[in-house]
Amino acid sequence: QNYHEFTWNFYQHDSLIPLAELAVDTTVDANKERYQSALAASFVHYLVLDFKIEGLRYLYRAEADWDLACKGILHLSPDSLQARWLDFVERAINGEFLRPPDNGQ
């Protein structure tokens, strides 16, 4: 199934799990697992395209909290990162492109 469409649908219905929560949620809940997996797949797709595999690797291995990791590694606030990801998702489901705009890196 198209995880970008899932993500956009959750966003449009105000049921999107914010990245700040998704990034630190370690609970296992079978009722939320498919939902979390779709959002995570969409975000990882965006992250790898915009920040390359190195960005994902550094973010994944970061020992800092989410806010500090976003700012220190990606040079974005968590809110800005989420906005860029959702912009990418909207464009992806509209077929505009499969790659986010160049972020200058």
N, C-alpha and C. Protein backbone atom coordinates (compact mmCIF):
# COMPACT_ATOMS: atom_id res chain seq x y z
N GLN A 1 0.83 -1.18 0.00
CA GLN A 1 0.00 0.00 0.00
C GLN A 1 0.87 1.24 0.00
N ASN A 2 0.35 2.33 -0.47
CA ASN A 2 1.11 3.55 -0.60
C ASN A 2 1.20 4.28 0.75
N TYR A 3 2.38 4.24 1.35
CA TYR A 3 2.54 4.85 2.67
C TYR A 3 2.47 6.37 2.63
N HIS A 4 2.76 6.97 1.50
CA HIS A 4 2.60 8.42 1.40
C HIS A 4 1.11 8.79 1.43
N GLU A 5 0.28 8.00 0.76
CA GLU A 5 -1.16 8.25 0.80
C GLU A 5 -1.71 8.06 2.21
N PHE A 6 -1.25 7.01 2.91
CA PHE A 6 -1.65 6.82 4.30
C PHE A 6 -1.29 8.05 5.12
N THR A 7 -0.04 8.49 4.97
CA THR A 7 0.45 9.63 5.74
C THR A 7 -0.39 10.87 5.46
N TRP A 8 -0.65 11.14 4.20
CA TRP A 8 -1.41 12.34 3.83
C TRP A 8 -2.84 12.25 4.37
N ASN A 9 -3.41 11.09 4.31
CA ASN A 9 -4.77 10.90 4.83
C ASN A 9 -4.80 11.16 6.34
N PHE A 10 -3.83 10.63 7.07
CA PHE A 10 -3.78 10.89 8.50
C PHE A 10 -3.61 12.38 8.77
N TYR A 11 -2.77 13.04 8.01
CA TYR A 11 -2.53 14.47 8.18
C TYR A 11 -3.81 15.26 7.91
N GLN A 12 -4.49 14.94 6.83
CA GLN A 12 -5.72 15.65 6.46
C GLN A 12 -6.83 15.48 7.49
N HIS A 13 -6.79 14.38 8.21
CA HIS A 13 -7.82 14.11 9.22
C HIS A 13 -7.33 14.39 10.64
N ASP A 14 -6.28 15.20 10.75
CA ASP A 14 -5.72 15.59 12.05
C ASP A 14 -5.42 14.40 12.96
N SER A 15 -4.98 13.30 12.37
CA SER A 15 -4.63 12.14 13.18
C SER A 15 -3.18 11.71 12.96
N LEU A 16 -2.38 12.60 12.41
CA LEU A 16 -0.97 12.31 12.18
C LEU A 16 -0.22 12.28 13.51
N ILE A 17 0.59 11.26 13.71
CA ILE A 17 1.46 11.23 14.88
C ILE A 17 2.62 12.17 14.56
N PRO A 18 2.84 13.20 15.36
CA PRO A 18 3.94 14.13 15.09
C PRO A 18 5.28 13.39 15.13
N LEU A 19 6.22 13.85 14.31
CA LEU A 19 7.54 13.22 14.27
C LEU A 19 8.17 13.16 15.65
N ALA A 20 8.01 14.21 16.42
CA ALA A 20 8.60 14.24 17.76
C ALA A 20 8.10 13.08 18.63
N GLU A 21 6.87 12.68 18.43
CA GLU A 21 6.31 11.55 19.18
C GLU A 21 6.69 10.23 18.51
N LEU A 22 6.60 10.17 17.21
CA LEU A 22 6.92 8.94 16.47
C LEU A 22 8.37 8.54 16.69
N ALA A 23 9.26 9.52 16.76
CA ALA A 23 10.69 9.25 16.88
C ALA A 23 11.07 8.61 18.21
N VAL A 24 10.29 8.84 19.24
CA VAL A 24 10.67 8.34 20.56
C VAL A 24 9.72 7.28 21.11
N ASP A 25 8.68 6.95 20.40
CA ASP A 25 7.70 5.97 20.86
C ASP A 25 8.27 4.56 20.73
N THR A 26 8.51 3.92 21.84
CA THR A 26 9.07 2.57 21.82
C THR A 26 8.05 1.52 22.26
N THR A 27 6.82 1.94 22.47
CA THR A 27 5.79 0.99 22.88
C THR A 27 5.39 0.13 21.69
N VAL A 28 5.03 -1.08 21.98
CA VAL A 28 4.54 -1.98 20.95
C VAL A 28 3.05 -2.12 21.14
N ASP A 29 2.31 -1.65 20.16
CA ASP A 29 0.86 -1.69 20.21
C ASP A 29 0.38 -2.19 18.86
N ALA A 30 -0.14 -3.40 18.83
CA ALA A 30 -0.55 -4.00 17.57
C ALA A 30 -1.59 -3.16 16.84
N ASN A 31 -2.38 -2.39 17.59
CA ASN A 31 -3.39 -1.56 16.96
C ASN A 31 -2.80 -0.36 16.24
N LYS A 32 -1.63 0.10 16.68
CA LYS A 32 -0.99 1.27 16.08
C LYS A 32 0.17 0.90 15.16
N GLU A 33 0.59 -0.35 15.17
CA GLU A 33 1.81 -0.74 14.46
C GLU A 33 1.74 -0.44 12.96
N ARG A 34 0.65 -0.76 12.30
CA ARG A 34 0.53 -0.50 10.86
C ARG A 34 0.58 1.01 10.57
N TYR A 35 -0.09 1.75 11.40
CA TYR A 35 -0.14 3.21 11.29
C TYR A 35 1.27 3.79 11.47
N GLN A 36 1.96 3.39 12.54
CA GLN A 36 3.32 3.86 12.80
C GLN A 36 4.27 3.44 11.68
N SER A 37 4.11 2.22 11.20
CA SER A 37 4.99 1.72 10.13
C SER A 37 4.82 2.52 8.84
N ALA A 38 3.59 2.85 8.50
CA ALA A 38 3.34 3.64 7.29
C ALA A 38 3.97 5.02 7.41
N LEU A 39 3.79 5.67 8.54
CA LEU A 39 4.39 6.99 8.74
C LEU A 39 5.91 6.90 8.72
N ALA A 40 6.45 5.91 9.38
CA ALA A 40 7.90 5.76 9.43
C ALA A 40 8.47 5.49 8.04
N ALA A 41 7.82 4.65 7.25
CA ALA A 41 8.29 4.37 5.89
C ALA A 41 8.27 5.63 5.04
N SER A 42 7.22 6.40 5.15
CA SER A 42 7.12 7.64 4.40
C SER A 42 8.22 8.61 4.81
N PHE A 43 8.43 8.76 6.13
CA PHE A 43 9.44 9.69 6.61
C PHE A 43 10.85 9.24 6.21
N VAL A 44 11.13 7.96 6.33
CA VAL A 44 12.46 7.46 5.96
C VAL A 44 12.71 7.67 4.47
N HIS A 45 11.71 7.45 3.63
CA HIS A 45 11.84 7.70 2.20
C HIS A 45 12.23 9.15 1.96
N TYR A 46 11.49 10.06 2.59
CA TYR A 46 11.81 11.48 2.46
C TYR A 46 13.22 11.77 2.97
N LEU A 47 13.53 11.29 4.15
CA LEU A 47 14.80 11.60 4.79
C LEU A 47 15.99 11.14 3.94
N VAL A 48 15.92 9.94 3.40
CA VAL A 48 17.02 9.42 2.59
C VAL A 48 17.16 10.22 1.29
N LEU A 49 16.05 10.60 0.69
CA LEU A 49 16.15 11.37 -0.54
C LEU A 49 16.68 12.78 -0.29
N ASP A 50 16.29 13.39 0.81
CA ASP A 50 16.69 14.77 1.07
C ASP A 50 18.04 14.87 1.77
N PHE A 51 18.34 13.93 2.66
CA PHE A 51 19.56 14.02 3.46
C PHE A 51 20.52 12.85 3.24
N LYS A 52 20.21 12.05 2.25
CA LYS A 52 21.04 10.88 1.91
C LYS A 52 21.03 9.87 3.06
N ILE A 53 21.60 8.72 2.79
CA ILE A 53 21.62 7.65 3.79
C ILE A 53 22.42 8.08 5.03
N GLU A 54 23.40 8.96 4.83
CA GLU A 54 24.20 9.43 5.96
C GLU A 54 23.34 10.20 6.96
N GLY A 55 22.42 11.03 6.45
CA GLY A 55 21.53 11.78 7.34
C GLY A 55 20.68 10.84 8.18
N LEU A 56 20.16 9.80 7.54
CA LEU A 56 19.37 8.81 8.27
C LEU A 56 20.25 8.11 9.31
N ARG A 57 21.43 7.71 8.91
CA ARG A 57 22.33 7.00 9.82
C ARG A 57 22.67 7.86 11.04
N TYR A 58 23.03 9.11 10.81
CA TYR A 58 23.38 9.99 11.93
C TYR A 58 22.19 10.24 12.85
N LEU A 59 21.03 10.44 12.26
CA LEU A 59 19.84 10.68 13.06
C LEU A 59 19.46 9.45 13.87
N TYR A 60 19.56 8.28 13.24
CA TYR A 60 19.22 7.03 13.91
C TYR A 60 20.16 6.75 15.08
N ARG A 61 21.43 7.05 14.89
CA ARG A 61 22.43 6.76 15.92
C ARG A 61 22.58 7.87 16.96
N ALA A 62 21.89 8.96 16.78
CA ALA A 62 22.04 10.09 17.69
C ALA A 62 21.63 9.70 19.11
N GLU A 63 22.43 10.12 20.04
CA GLU A 63 22.11 9.87 21.44
C GLU A 63 21.40 11.07 22.07
N ALA A 64 21.37 12.17 21.35
CA ALA A 64 20.68 13.37 21.84
C ALA A 64 19.18 13.18 21.70
N ASP A 65 18.43 14.01 22.41
CA ASP A 65 16.98 13.93 22.25
C ASP A 65 16.59 14.40 20.85
N TRP A 66 15.36 14.19 20.48
CA TRP A 66 14.89 14.43 19.12
C TRP A 66 15.14 15.87 18.67
N ASP A 67 14.78 16.84 19.51
CA ASP A 67 14.97 18.25 19.14
C ASP A 67 16.43 18.56 18.84
N LEU A 68 17.30 18.16 19.74
CA LEU A 68 18.73 18.43 19.55
C LEU A 68 19.29 17.69 18.34
N ALA A 69 18.86 16.46 18.14
CA ALA A 69 19.34 15.68 16.99
C ALA A 69 18.93 16.34 15.68
N CYS A 70 17.68 16.77 15.57
CA CYS A 70 17.22 17.44 14.35
C CYS A 70 18.03 18.70 14.07
N LYS A 71 18.19 19.50 15.10
CA LYS A 71 18.91 20.76 14.94
C LYS A 71 20.39 20.54 14.67
N GLY A 72 21.00 19.61 15.39
CA GLY A 72 22.43 19.38 15.26
C GLY A 72 22.83 18.64 14.01
N ILE A 73 22.02 17.70 13.58
CA ILE A 73 22.38 16.87 12.43
C ILE A 73 21.79 17.41 11.13
N LEU A 74 20.52 17.75 11.16
CA LEU A 74 19.85 18.18 9.93
C LEU A 74 19.74 19.70 9.81
N HIS A 75 20.09 20.40 10.88
CA HIS A 75 20.04 21.87 10.90
C HIS A 75 18.63 22.40 10.68
N LEU A 76 17.66 21.67 11.22
CA LEU A 76 16.25 22.05 11.13
C LEU A 76 15.59 21.82 12.48
N SER A 77 14.62 22.65 12.78
CA SER A 77 13.80 22.37 13.96
C SER A 77 12.91 21.17 13.63
N PRO A 78 12.45 20.45 14.63
CA PRO A 78 11.54 19.34 14.36
C PRO A 78 10.30 19.77 13.59
N ASP A 79 9.76 20.96 13.90
CA ASP A 79 8.58 21.45 13.18
C ASP A 79 8.89 21.71 11.70
N SER A 80 10.05 22.30 11.43
CA SER A 80 10.44 22.55 10.04
C SER A 80 10.66 21.24 9.29
N LEU A 81 11.28 20.28 9.95
CA LEU A 81 11.51 18.98 9.33
C LEU A 81 10.18 18.32 8.99
N GLN A 82 9.24 18.36 9.93
CA GLN A 82 7.93 17.76 9.68
C GLN A 82 7.21 18.47 8.54
N ALA A 83 7.29 19.79 8.49
CA ALA A 83 6.64 20.55 7.40
C ALA A 83 7.24 20.17 6.05
N ARG A 84 8.56 20.04 5.99
CA ARG A 84 9.21 19.65 4.73
C ARG A 84 8.81 18.25 4.31
N TRP A 85 8.74 17.34 5.29
CA TRP A 85 8.32 15.97 5.00
C TRP A 85 6.89 15.95 4.46
N LEU A 86 5.99 16.67 5.09
CA LEU A 86 4.60 16.68 4.63
C LEU A 86 4.46 17.34 3.27
N ASP A 87 5.27 18.33 2.98
CA ASP A 87 5.28 18.93 1.65
C ASP A 87 5.71 17.89 0.62
N PHE A 88 6.73 17.13 0.94
CA PHE A 88 7.18 16.05 0.07
C PHE A 88 6.07 15.01 -0.15
N VAL A 89 5.39 14.64 0.95
CA VAL A 89 4.31 13.66 0.86
C VAL A 89 3.21 14.14 -0.08
N GLU A 90 2.81 15.39 0.08
CA GLU A 90 1.76 15.94 -0.77
C GLU A 90 2.18 15.90 -2.23
N ARG A 91 3.40 16.27 -2.50
CA ARG A 91 3.89 16.24 -3.89
C ARG A 91 3.98 14.82 -4.41
N ALA A 92 4.41 13.90 -3.56
CA ALA A 92 4.54 12.51 -3.99
C ALA A 92 3.19 11.90 -4.36
N ILE A 93 2.17 12.18 -3.56
CA ILE A 93 0.86 11.59 -3.88
C ILE A 93 0.21 12.28 -5.08
N ASN A 94 0.63 13.49 -5.37
CA ASN A 94 0.14 14.18 -6.56
C ASN A 94 0.98 13.88 -7.79
N GLY A 95 2.00 13.05 -7.62
CA GLY A 95 2.83 12.63 -8.75
C GLY A 95 3.75 13.70 -9.29
N GLU A 96 3.98 14.77 -8.50
CA GLU A 96 4.82 15.86 -8.99
C GLU A 96 6.27 15.43 -9.12
N PHE A 97 6.77 14.71 -8.15
CA PHE A 97 8.13 14.20 -8.18
C PHE A 97 8.30 13.19 -7.06
N LEU A 98 9.35 12.41 -7.15
CA LEU A 98 9.63 11.46 -6.10
C LEU A 98 10.85 11.88 -5.29
N ARG A 99 11.36 13.06 -5.58
CA ARG A 99 12.53 13.55 -4.87
C ARG A 99 12.23 14.95 -4.34
N PRO A 100 12.55 15.21 -3.07
CA PRO A 100 12.28 16.53 -2.54
C PRO A 100 13.21 17.55 -3.17
N PRO A 101 12.87 18.82 -3.07
CA PRO A 101 13.75 19.86 -3.62
C PRO A 101 15.12 19.81 -2.94
N ASP A 102 16.14 20.22 -3.65
CA ASP A 102 17.50 20.24 -3.12
C ASP A 102 17.55 21.15 -1.91
N ASN A 103 18.12 20.65 -0.83
CA ASN A 103 18.19 21.46 0.39
C ASN A 103 19.54 22.13 0.54
N GLY A 104 20.33 22.13 -0.50
CA GLY A 104 21.61 22.82 -0.48
C GLY A 104 22.74 22.03 0.15
N GLN A 105 22.50 20.76 0.46
CA GLN A 105 23.57 19.96 1.06
C GLN A 105 24.32 19.20 0.00
